[in-house]
Amino acid sequence: MFSLQTIFGKGDKFYGLLEASAGAARDSAAALVQMLATRQSAVSLDEFTLARRREKDLTAQISRELVNTFVTALDREDIEALSAALNKITKAISKFAERYSLAADRLGDIDFGARAALLEKAADVIRQMVAQLRKGMNLEAMSALNDRLQAIENEADRLLLELYRDLYGGRHEPIRILLLKDLFELLEKAIDRCRDAGNVVYQIVLKNS
């Protein structure tokens, strides 16, 4: 006969799966920073492909475990929502890497580093927020992390506004404007995905605190 501790212990495995998923998102962002730092014309997508596969596997595993687990540490809908939000981060990063690889030889003079660094910071905050769930519903600690995430997003918005100002200044060819606008907005979208995941975590804590 199983004890309540044993039953709830099985539910705790979702913390580990969600933490692994957040870690995959952070690793993907770090790989992007490294890729952009090298500024090579021939870009390898291997790390992003592996990170994306890892994320998909974790998402699928979480879905299976939700079916097979009687008691979960968090509400099932919250686990599903957070898993989906984390999955979208690596998806957005992978999409940027794929698009960038198609035009890397024509973008050697463009610095994506500042925005990519913000993405890495945002992904790391998400990793910390997900890890905090296991420690308990500490609203104060989660609010501090969420404030950091919002500050990162605000800085990303400021940089995007500067980009628009530069693009519309008349010094770029039309095709180059379209290319840069697409790539920078994909980076912005990846940061927004981090914000979305952060909102899910924050709402979980608000509901349970």
Protein backbone atom coordinates (compact mmCIF):
# COMPACT_ATOMS: atom_id res chain seq x y z
CA MET A 1 0.00 0.00 0.00
CA PHE A 2 1.42 3.38 -1.02
CA SER A 3 1.81 6.17 1.49
CA LEU A 4 0.76 9.73 0.72
CA GLN A 5 4.43 10.69 0.73
CA THR A 6 5.13 8.13 -2.00
CA ILE A 7 2.20 9.36 -4.09
CA PHE A 8 3.19 13.01 -3.78
CA GLY A 9 6.81 12.09 -4.40
CA LYS A 10 5.82 10.80 -7.82
CA GLY A 11 4.15 14.11 -8.52
CA ASP A 12 7.37 15.92 -7.67
CA LYS A 13 9.02 14.58 -10.83
CA PHE A 14 7.33 17.38 -12.77
CA TYR A 15 9.61 19.87 -11.06
CA GLY A 16 12.60 18.07 -12.53
CA LEU A 17 11.08 17.86 -16.00
CA LEU A 18 10.13 21.53 -16.04
CA GLU A 19 13.56 22.50 -14.74
CA ALA A 20 15.17 20.45 -17.52
CA SER A 21 12.93 22.18 -20.04
CA ALA A 22 13.89 25.62 -18.72
CA GLY A 23 17.53 24.54 -18.81
CA ALA A 24 17.20 23.56 -22.46
CA ALA A 25 15.81 27.01 -23.26
CA ARG A 26 18.68 28.69 -21.44
CA ASP A 27 21.26 26.47 -23.18
CA SER A 28 19.72 27.29 -26.54
CA ALA A 29 20.00 31.02 -25.83
CA ALA A 30 23.63 30.60 -24.73
CA ALA A 31 24.39 28.70 -27.95
CA LEU A 32 22.90 31.58 -29.93
CA VAL A 33 25.13 34.10 -28.17
CA GLN A 34 28.16 31.95 -28.96
CA MET A 35 27.15 31.51 -32.59
CA LEU A 36 26.69 35.25 -33.12
CA ALA A 37 29.99 36.03 -31.37
CA THR A 38 31.96 34.03 -33.95
CA ARG A 39 30.36 35.86 -36.89
CA GLN A 40 31.11 32.99 -39.24
CA SER A 41 29.56 32.96 -42.69
CA ALA A 42 28.92 29.20 -42.43
CA VAL A 43 26.66 28.62 -39.44
CA SER A 44 26.14 25.23 -37.80
CA LEU A 45 22.64 24.50 -36.53
CA ASP A 46 23.56 21.28 -34.74
CA GLU A 47 23.28 22.69 -31.21
CA PHE A 48 19.91 24.25 -31.94
CA THR A 49 18.62 21.05 -33.53
CA LEU A 50 19.69 19.07 -30.47
CA ALA A 51 18.18 21.61 -28.06
CA ARG A 52 14.93 21.61 -30.00
CA ARG A 53 14.79 17.80 -29.99
CA ARG A 54 15.55 17.76 -26.28
CA GLU A 55 12.76 20.24 -25.62
CA LYS A 56 10.26 18.29 -27.72
CA ASP A 57 11.18 15.08 -25.90
CA LEU A 58 10.67 16.76 -22.52
CA THR A 59 7.32 18.20 -23.61
CA ALA A 60 6.19 14.77 -24.77
CA GLN A 61 7.41 13.17 -21.54
CA ILE A 62 5.52 15.70 -19.44
CA SER A 63 2.35 14.96 -21.41
CA ARG A 64 2.79 11.22 -20.86
CA GLU A 65 3.48 11.62 -17.17
CA LEU A 66 0.38 13.77 -16.72
CA VAL A 67 -1.68 10.88 -18.04
CA ASN A 68 0.04 8.31 -15.84
CA THR A 69 0.35 10.28 -12.59
CA PHE A 70 -2.52 10.35 -10.12
CA VAL A 71 -1.29 13.24 -7.95
CA THR A 72 0.78 16.13 -9.29
CA ALA A 73 2.81 18.67 -7.33
CA LEU A 74 1.20 21.49 -9.34
CA ASP A 75 -2.19 21.73 -11.00
CA ARG A 76 -2.22 19.81 -14.26
CA GLU A 77 -3.29 22.77 -16.34
CA ASP A 78 -0.44 24.82 -14.87
CA ILE A 79 2.10 22.13 -15.74
CA GLU A 80 0.76 21.96 -19.29
CA ALA A 81 0.77 25.75 -19.67
CA LEU A 82 4.32 26.12 -18.38
CA SER A 83 5.59 23.23 -20.49
CA ALA A 84 4.06 24.78 -23.61
CA ALA A 85 5.48 28.22 -22.78
CA LEU A 86 9.01 26.83 -22.28
CA ASN A 87 8.76 24.88 -25.51
CA LYS A 88 8.00 28.08 -27.42
CA ILE A 89 11.24 29.70 -26.23
CA THR A 90 13.50 27.12 -27.89
CA LYS A 91 11.24 27.13 -30.94
CA ALA A 92 11.66 30.89 -31.36
CA ILE A 93 15.43 30.69 -30.87
CA SER A 94 15.72 27.85 -33.36
CA LYS A 95 13.73 29.80 -35.92
CA PHE A 96 16.06 32.79 -35.59
CA ALA A 97 19.13 30.56 -35.97
CA GLU A 98 17.69 28.96 -39.11
CA ARG A 99 16.87 32.32 -40.71
CA TYR A 100 20.21 33.80 -39.71
CA SER A 101 22.10 30.86 -41.23
CA LEU A 102 20.57 31.64 -44.61
CA ALA A 103 22.01 35.15 -44.69
CA ALA A 104 25.00 35.05 -42.34
CA ASP A 105 27.46 35.82 -45.15
CA ARG A 106 25.68 39.13 -45.80
CA LEU A 107 25.31 40.18 -42.17
CA GLY A 108 28.90 40.23 -40.93
CA ASP A 109 28.69 43.96 -40.19
CA ILE A 110 25.53 43.68 -38.09
CA ASP A 111 25.83 43.25 -34.34
CA PHE A 112 23.07 41.08 -32.91
CA GLY A 113 25.09 40.52 -29.74
CA ALA A 114 23.39 43.02 -27.41
CA ARG A 115 19.94 41.64 -28.12
CA ALA A 116 21.09 38.03 -27.95
CA ALA A 117 22.71 38.76 -24.58
CA LEU A 118 19.37 40.07 -23.30
CA LEU A 119 17.71 36.89 -24.52
CA GLU A 120 20.25 34.78 -22.64
CA LYS A 121 19.63 36.82 -19.47
CA ALA A 122 15.87 36.42 -19.86
CA ALA A 123 16.20 32.66 -20.37
CA ASP A 124 18.41 32.41 -17.29
CA VAL A 125 15.82 34.27 -15.20
CA ILE A 126 13.20 31.80 -16.42
CA ARG A 127 15.46 28.94 -15.37
CA GLN A 128 15.69 30.47 -11.89
CA MET A 129 11.95 31.06 -11.68
CA VAL A 130 11.14 27.46 -12.58
CA ALA A 131 13.72 26.20 -10.08
CA GLN A 132 12.12 28.39 -7.40
CA LEU A 133 8.82 26.50 -7.72
CA ARG A 134 10.34 23.44 -6.07
CA LYS A 135 11.36 25.53 -3.07
CA GLY A 136 7.82 26.67 -2.36
CA MET A 137 5.42 29.42 -3.33
CA ASN A 138 7.58 32.35 -2.26
CA LEU A 139 5.79 35.34 -3.73
CA GLU A 140 8.47 37.84 -2.71
CA ALA A 141 11.30 35.90 -4.35
CA MET A 142 9.24 35.27 -7.47
CA SER A 143 8.22 38.93 -7.70
CA ALA A 144 11.88 39.96 -7.64
CA LEU A 145 12.70 37.56 -10.47
CA ASN A 146 9.66 38.67 -12.44
CA ASP A 147 10.72 42.31 -12.05
CA ARG A 148 14.14 41.42 -13.47
CA LEU A 149 12.46 39.74 -16.41
CA GLN A 150 10.27 42.79 -17.07
CA ALA A 151 13.34 45.05 -16.95
CA ILE A 152 15.07 42.87 -19.55
CA GLU A 153 12.02 43.02 -21.80
CA ASN A 154 11.84 46.81 -21.45
CA GLU A 155 15.49 47.09 -22.49
CA ALA A 156 14.81 44.82 -25.47
CA ASP A 157 11.92 47.07 -26.49
CA ARG A 158 14.21 50.09 -26.30
CA LEU A 159 16.80 48.42 -28.52
CA LEU A 160 14.13 47.45 -31.02
CA LEU A 161 12.99 51.07 -31.22
CA GLU A 162 16.59 52.09 -31.95
CA LEU A 163 16.69 49.48 -34.69
CA TYR A 164 13.58 50.91 -36.35
CA ARG A 165 15.08 54.38 -36.17
CA ASP A 166 18.20 53.09 -37.96
CA LEU A 167 16.31 51.04 -40.55
CA TYR A 168 14.09 53.94 -41.51
CA GLY A 169 17.02 56.35 -41.70
CA GLY A 170 17.54 55.73 -45.42
CA ARG A 171 20.99 54.15 -45.40
CA HIS A 172 19.89 50.54 -45.97
CA GLU A 173 18.74 48.87 -49.17
CA PRO A 174 15.06 47.77 -49.11
CA ILE A 175 15.90 44.05 -49.14
CA ARG A 176 18.36 44.57 -46.28
CA ILE A 177 15.72 46.42 -44.29
CA LEU A 178 13.32 43.50 -44.65
CA LEU A 179 16.00 40.99 -43.67
CA LEU A 180 17.18 42.87 -40.59
CA LYS A 181 13.65 43.68 -39.48
CA ASP A 182 12.70 40.01 -39.70
CA LEU A 183 15.73 38.81 -37.74
CA PHE A 184 15.59 41.42 -35.00
CA GLU A 185 11.88 40.87 -34.52
CA LEU A 186 12.50 37.13 -34.19
CA LEU A 187 14.94 37.89 -31.37
CA GLU A 188 12.35 40.16 -29.81
CA LYS A 189 9.78 37.39 -30.10
CA ALA A 190 12.09 34.95 -28.31
CA ILE A 191 12.42 37.42 -25.43
CA ASP A 192 8.63 37.82 -25.41
CA ARG A 193 8.35 34.03 -25.12
CA CYS A 194 10.50 34.23 -22.00
CA ARG A 195 8.16 36.88 -20.64
CA ASP A 196 5.18 34.65 -21.37
CA ALA A 197 6.78 31.74 -19.50
CA GLY A 198 7.57 34.07 -16.62
CA ASN A 199 3.94 35.17 -16.48
CA VAL A 200 2.83 31.54 -16.24
CA VAL A 201 5.23 30.87 -13.34
CA TYR A 202 4.18 34.05 -11.57
CA GLN A 203 0.49 33.21 -11.91
CA ILE A 204 1.15 29.73 -10.49
CA VAL A 205 2.73 31.29 -7.41
CA LEU A 206 -0.04 33.87 -7.03
CA LYS A 207 -2.65 31.13 -7.17
CA ASN A 208 -0.91 28.94 -4.61
CA SER A 209 0.58 31.47 -2.19
